Protein backbone atom coordinates (compact mmCIF):
# COMPACT_ATOMS: atom_id res chain seq x y z
CA MET A 1 22.45 -15.48 -28.40
CA ILE A 2 21.32 -17.58 -25.45
CA SER A 3 18.86 -20.05 -26.07
CA ASP A 4 18.83 -22.77 -24.23
CA TYR A 5 19.09 -23.26 -19.97
CA ARG A 6 20.29 -26.60 -20.33
CA MET A 7 23.74 -24.90 -21.10
CA LEU A 8 23.81 -24.70 -17.52
CA GLY A 9 23.53 -28.06 -16.77
CA VAL A 10 20.10 -28.09 -15.44
CA ASP A 11 16.85 -29.57 -17.05
CA ARG A 12 14.20 -27.00 -15.70
CA PRO A 13 13.95 -23.64 -14.65
CA GLY A 14 14.44 -22.65 -10.88
CA VAL A 15 16.55 -25.25 -9.86
CA TRP A 16 18.99 -22.87 -8.65
CA LEU A 17 17.00 -20.16 -7.63
CA GLY A 18 14.79 -22.09 -5.38
CA PRO A 19 17.41 -22.89 -2.58
CA LEU A 20 19.06 -19.64 -2.96
CA VAL A 21 15.83 -18.00 -1.92
CA PHE A 22 15.21 -20.49 0.63
CA GLY A 23 18.62 -19.59 2.21
CA PHE A 24 18.21 -15.94 2.05
CA ALA A 25 14.77 -16.20 3.60
CA ALA A 26 15.76 -18.37 6.75
CA LEU A 27 18.65 -15.61 7.30
CA ALA A 28 15.83 -12.90 6.54
CA VAL A 29 13.86 -14.54 9.31
CA ARG A 30 16.87 -14.33 11.74
CA GLU A 31 16.72 -10.62 11.19
CA MET A 32 13.67 -10.15 11.40
CA LEU A 33 13.10 -11.62 14.75
CA ASP A 34 16.18 -10.03 15.86
CA LEU A 35 14.76 -6.74 14.90
CA PHE A 36 11.22 -7.55 16.77
CA SER A 37 13.13 -8.36 20.10
CA GLY A 38 14.20 -4.51 20.41
CA LEU A 39 10.55 -3.54 20.47
CA SER A 40 8.75 -2.33 23.37
CA GLY A 41 7.51 -5.50 25.37
CA ALA A 42 10.12 -7.79 24.02
CA PRO A 43 10.83 -10.54 24.52
CA ARG A 44 6.92 -11.00 25.93
CA SER A 45 5.84 -9.66 22.61
CA THR A 46 8.40 -11.54 20.56
CA PRO A 47 6.91 -14.41 18.25
CA ILE A 48 7.97 -17.95 19.00
CA THR A 49 10.84 -18.82 16.89
CA TRP A 50 10.60 -22.48 15.74
CA THR A 51 6.72 -21.72 14.25
CA THR A 52 7.83 -18.47 12.43
CA TYR A 53 10.97 -20.35 10.94
CA VAL A 54 8.91 -23.42 9.91
CA GLY A 55 5.98 -21.66 8.85
CA THR A 56 7.92 -19.18 6.58
CA LEU A 57 10.27 -21.76 4.88
CA CYS A 58 7.25 -23.90 4.08
CA ILE A 59 5.93 -21.03 2.13
CA VAL A 60 9.06 -20.48 0.51
CA ALA A 61 8.94 -24.39 -0.23
CA ALA A 62 6.04 -24.24 -1.64
CA TRP A 63 6.74 -21.32 -3.96
CA CYS A 64 9.53 -23.85 -5.03
CA ALA A 65 6.90 -26.83 -5.72
CA PRO A 66 6.46 -26.63 -9.55
CA ILE A 67 10.20 -26.71 -10.13
CA ALA A 68 9.43 -30.59 -9.14
CA TRP A 69 7.67 -31.27 -12.31
CA LYS A 70 9.80 -31.07 -15.49
CA GLN A 71 6.99 -29.75 -17.07
CA TYR A 72 3.98 -28.62 -14.73
CA PRO A 73 0.44 -29.88 -15.68
CA VAL A 74 -1.49 -27.56 -16.97
CA ASP A 75 -4.65 -28.97 -15.86
CA CYS A 76 -3.21 -29.06 -11.90
CA PRO A 77 -6.60 -27.51 -9.90
CA LEU A 78 -4.00 -25.72 -7.74
CA GLY A 79 -1.91 -23.82 -10.34
CA LYS A 80 1.42 -22.27 -9.39
CA LEU A 81 -0.11 -19.91 -6.83
CA GLY A 82 -2.15 -22.61 -4.93
CA TRP A 83 0.98 -24.15 -3.27
CA PRO A 84 1.84 -21.06 -1.40
CA MET A 85 -1.70 -20.49 -0.36
CA LEU A 86 -1.67 -23.87 1.31
CA ALA A 87 1.49 -23.15 2.83
CA ILE A 88 0.38 -19.68 4.30
CA THR A 89 -2.70 -21.52 5.90
CA LEU A 90 -0.04 -24.17 7.56
CA GLY A 91 2.19 -21.18 8.63
CA ILE A 92 -1.02 -19.47 10.50
CA GLY A 93 -2.43 -22.71 11.91
CA LEU A 94 1.30 -23.23 13.40
CA ALA A 95 1.73 -19.81 14.63
CA PHE A 96 -1.52 -20.26 16.74
CA LEU A 97 -0.58 -23.73 17.77
CA GLY A 98 2.65 -22.57 19.37
CA GLU A 99 0.87 -20.14 21.32
CA MET A 100 -1.53 -22.74 22.42
CA LEU A 101 0.90 -25.25 23.45
CA ARG A 102 2.82 -22.41 25.86
CA TYR A 103 -0.08 -20.51 26.83
CA GLN A 104 -0.47 -19.80 30.65
CA GLU A 105 -1.96 -16.40 31.37
CA PRO A 106 -3.86 -13.58 28.92
CA GLY A 107 -1.45 -11.07 27.36
CA ASP A 108 0.22 -10.59 24.41
CA VAL A 109 -0.76 -13.60 22.45
CA VAL A 110 -2.43 -11.96 19.44
CA VAL A 111 0.49 -9.55 19.12
CA ARG A 112 2.82 -12.51 19.13
CA VAL A 113 0.72 -14.26 16.38
CA ALA A 114 0.40 -11.23 14.47
CA MET A 115 4.17 -10.63 14.27
CA GLY A 116 4.99 -14.09 13.20
CA MET A 117 2.34 -14.11 10.53
CA LEU A 118 3.75 -10.86 9.33
CA ILE A 119 7.00 -12.38 9.24
CA MET A 120 5.68 -15.27 7.09
CA VAL A 121 3.89 -12.89 4.58
CA TYR A 122 6.94 -10.27 4.41
CA VAL A 123 9.65 -13.02 4.21
CA GLY A 124 7.97 -16.01 2.87
CA VAL A 125 5.46 -14.86 0.53
CA LEU A 126 6.96 -11.91 -1.02
CA SER A 127 10.43 -13.42 -1.54
CA GLY A 128 8.55 -16.37 -3.10
CA PHE A 129 7.29 -13.79 -5.95
CA LEU A 130 11.13 -13.95 -7.29
CA VAL A 131 10.89 -17.84 -7.99
CA ALA A 132 7.37 -17.23 -9.39
CA LEU A 133 8.98 -14.74 -11.75
CA ARG A 134 11.53 -17.40 -12.90
CA LEU A 135 8.72 -19.76 -13.59
CA PHE A 136 6.82 -17.35 -15.48
CA HIS A 137 5.23 -18.43 -18.91
CA SER A 138 8.10 -20.25 -20.34
CA ASN A 139 12.00 -20.57 -19.40
CA THR A 140 13.14 -17.73 -21.68
CA ALA A 141 10.51 -15.71 -20.60
CA GLY A 142 10.74 -16.47 -16.90
CA MET A 143 14.70 -15.74 -16.88
CA MET A 144 14.19 -12.38 -18.71
CA ALA A 145 11.04 -11.30 -15.98
CA LEU A 146 13.42 -12.55 -13.11
CA ILE A 147 16.51 -10.65 -14.54
CA SER A 148 15.08 -7.36 -15.27
CA THR A 149 13.14 -7.20 -12.10
CA ILE A 150 16.62 -7.62 -10.20
CA ALA A 151 18.61 -5.26 -12.54
CA ILE A 152 15.99 -2.63 -12.47
CA VAL A 153 15.47 -2.35 -8.92
CA LYS A 154 19.19 -2.42 -8.10
CA MET A 155 20.21 -0.22 -10.62
CA SER A 156 17.46 2.25 -9.58
CA ASP A 157 18.72 2.12 -5.76
CA THR A 158 22.10 2.69 -7.68
CA GLY A 159 21.25 5.64 -9.12
CA ALA A 160 19.17 6.88 -6.10
CA TYR A 161 22.28 6.51 -4.03
CA ALA A 162 24.32 8.58 -6.89
CA PHE A 163 21.68 11.29 -7.40
CA GLY A 164 21.20 11.78 -3.77
CA ARG A 165 24.93 12.41 -3.11
CA LEU A 166 25.65 14.54 -5.87
CA PHE A 167 22.00 16.85 -6.01
CA GLY A 168 20.48 15.66 -3.01
CA ARG A 169 18.76 18.70 -1.41
CA HIS A 170 15.79 17.83 -0.11
CA PRO A 171 14.60 14.93 2.43
CA MET A 172 12.26 12.59 1.28
CA ALA A 173 11.34 10.85 4.64
CA LYS A 174 13.71 12.45 7.22
CA LEU A 175 12.50 10.52 10.18
CA LEU A 176 12.61 7.26 8.52
CA SER A 177 15.48 7.44 6.26
CA PRO A 178 17.29 10.93 6.63
CA LYS A 179 19.80 10.43 3.55
CA LYS A 180 16.83 9.57 1.09
CA THR A 181 16.07 12.83 -0.84
CA ILE A 182 13.85 13.93 -3.61
CA GLU A 183 16.64 14.30 -6.18
CA GLY A 184 17.79 10.90 -5.41
CA ALA A 185 14.28 9.70 -6.02
CA VAL A 186 14.30 11.08 -9.17
CA GLY A 187 17.69 9.66 -10.05
CA GLY A 188 16.43 6.19 -9.28
CA VAL A 189 13.34 6.49 -11.82
CA LEU A 190 15.81 7.68 -14.99
CA ALA A 191 18.37 4.76 -14.03
CA SER A 192 15.40 2.46 -13.65
CA VAL A 193 13.48 3.25 -16.70
CA ALA A 194 17.09 3.18 -18.66
CA THR A 195 17.85 -0.03 -17.15
CA ALA A 196 14.34 -1.33 -18.61
CA TRP A 197 14.86 -0.02 -22.24
CA LEU A 198 18.26 -1.73 -22.01
CA VAL A 199 17.22 -5.13 -21.01
CA LEU A 200 13.88 -5.15 -22.53
CA ASN A 201 14.29 -3.45 -25.89
CA ILE A 202 18.34 -4.48 -26.30
CA LEU A 203 19.26 -7.68 -24.69
CA ALA A 204 16.29 -9.73 -24.33
CA PRO A 205 15.59 -9.58 -28.19
CA ARG A 206 19.31 -10.30 -29.11
CA TRP A 207 19.45 -13.06 -26.75
CA PHE A 208 15.94 -14.55 -27.17
CA PRO A 209 14.65 -13.33 -30.68
CA GLU A 210 12.37 -16.12 -31.22
CA VAL A 211 10.68 -14.96 -27.96
CA PHE A 212 11.11 -11.36 -27.60
CA ALA A 213 10.87 -8.22 -30.03
CA PRO A 214 11.55 -4.69 -28.96
CA GLN A 215 8.94 -3.16 -26.36
CA ALA A 216 6.82 -0.21 -27.08
CA ALA A 217 8.48 2.66 -25.50
CA TRP A 218 5.40 3.52 -23.10
CA ARG A 219 5.45 -0.21 -21.93
CA TRP A 220 9.22 0.14 -20.81
CA ILE A 221 8.72 3.49 -19.32
CA ALA A 222 5.79 2.34 -17.17
CA TYR A 223 7.35 -0.41 -16.19
CA GLY A 224 10.58 0.91 -14.88
CA THR A 225 8.87 3.58 -13.46
CA VAL A 226 6.55 1.65 -11.58
CA LEU A 227 9.32 -0.70 -10.33
CA ALA A 228 11.45 2.05 -9.11
CA ALA A 229 8.45 3.38 -7.25
CA VAL A 230 7.66 0.66 -5.39
CA GLY A 231 11.31 -0.41 -4.66
CA MET A 232 11.60 2.88 -2.89
CA VAL A 233 8.40 2.03 -1.21
CA GLY A 234 9.87 -1.22 0.02
CA ASP A 235 13.10 0.37 1.06
CA LEU A 236 11.54 2.54 3.44
CA ALA A 237 9.43 -0.06 4.78
CA GLU A 238 11.90 -2.10 6.05
CA SER A 239 13.60 1.43 6.96
CA LEU A 240 10.24 1.34 9.34
CA ILE A 241 10.76 -1.66 10.81
CA LYS A 242 14.39 -0.78 12.16
CA ARG A 243 13.80 2.41 13.21
CA ASP A 244 11.04 0.89 15.33
CA GLY A 245 13.36 -1.81 16.50
CA ARG A 246 15.82 0.67 17.15
CA ARG A 247 18.07 -0.43 14.36
CA LYS A 248 20.55 1.24 11.54
CA ASP A 249 20.89 -2.18 9.71
CA SER A 250 19.10 -5.43 9.81
CA SER A 251 22.08 -7.03 10.89
CA SER A 252 26.21 -7.06 10.43
CA TRP A 253 26.18 -10.04 8.21
CA LEU A 254 27.47 -8.22 5.38
CA PRO A 255 29.78 -5.25 6.71
CA GLY A 256 29.47 -1.70 5.11
CA LEU A 257 25.88 -3.04 3.53
CA GLY A 258 23.89 -4.27 6.50
CA GLY A 259 22.21 -7.74 6.44
CA VAL A 260 20.15 -9.92 4.13
CA LEU A 261 16.87 -7.32 4.63
CA ASP A 262 19.10 -4.33 3.75
CA MET A 263 19.68 -6.22 0.30
CA LEU A 264 16.36 -7.39 -0.33
CA ASP A 265 13.95 -4.77 0.95
CA SER A 266 13.56 -3.21 -2.43
CA LEU A 267 12.83 -6.45 -4.04
CA LEU A 268 10.60 -7.77 -1.54
CA LEU A 269 7.56 -5.44 -2.38
CA THR A 270 8.74 -4.97 -6.14
CA ALA A 271 8.72 -8.79 -7.05
CA PRO A 272 5.14 -9.12 -7.03
CA VAL A 273 4.16 -6.06 -8.94
CA SER A 274 6.87 -7.17 -11.73
CA TYR A 275 5.26 -10.42 -11.88
CA ALA A 276 1.67 -8.94 -11.92
CA CYS A 277 3.24 -6.69 -14.95
CA TRP A 278 4.20 -9.93 -16.94
CA ILE A 279 1.04 -11.63 -16.26
CA ALA A 280 -1.16 -8.71 -17.19
CA GLY A 281 0.84 -8.48 -20.46
CA LEU A 282 2.51 -4.87 -19.75
CA ILE A 283 5.70 -6.14 -20.50
CA GLY A 284 7.03 -9.26 -22.20
CA PRO A 285 6.29 -11.88 -24.74
CA LEU A 286 2.50 -11.35 -23.94
CA ALA A 287 2.79 -7.54 -24.81
CA ASN A 288 1.24 -6.41 -27.89
CA GLY A 289 1.45 -2.96 -29.46
C-alpha cells in the first residue's frame, strides 16, 4: 500500500513534476516556433522569440506557484488557478510590448501577436493542467488524478495504434493523419476504458484504501471514453499545426518518435478535461454513487 509521498524524499506534492513540465514546455516552445517558421510569410510572420519563451514559461511557473506552500492557504483570494491567469495577462502584455519595441511599418503585427499568444496558451496553459492535476484535492487524490490521466491517454494511443495496424480500413482524418483509422479509434477507446477500470477500481483502492473506493461502472466508463475522445482531438490538433508547417514531426529530438509535442499532443487537451472531471466529482474521492 502506498500511503505517504514522503517516501520519495519530498515534503510536498508536485516538487518533481513542476521542473519536468517546465523543461518540456521550453522544448515545446522551440518546436512551435520552428513549425511556425515553415508557414507562408515566415519569417515576417513569426512571433518574437524572447517574449514567447518568457510568456510561456511564466505561465508554467505560475501553475507551479502553489507548490511553494507546504500547505496552500484555503483563504488565498487568488486560489490555485489565479496564478496562471495573472501570468497569461503578463504574457499577452509581453507579446504586445515586443512588437511595440520593434515596430517599423504596418504588416503582420496582429498575426505575430496572435501566434505568440497561441503558443503561450497551447503550451503554457494546457501543459500546466498536469501540475493542477497533481495538486488536486490532496496528495493521494492528486497523484491518482495525474497517473490516471497519463495512463489512460497513453494506453489509448497504444490501443489506437495496435487496432489500426491490425484492423484499420477506414481513414479517420485522411488529410491530417493518413494512418489514423476509425477502427484504431475504437481500439483506443476500449484501451482507455480498460485502463480507467484498472487504475481507478483496482490500483487506487489498493494503494490508497483510506481515500479511494471502487468507482461505479458508469463513472470510469465515461471518464475513459471522454479522455480517449479528447486525446484523439488533441493528437489531430497537433497534426493540423504540423501539416500547415509542412512537417511530419514536430522535431527530431526523439528519433523514431518525433519531438516533445508529438509526445504531449494528446495530453495537452486532455489534461484540462480530466481536471474538470475530477473537480466536478465525476471520478475520484469526490464521486458519489
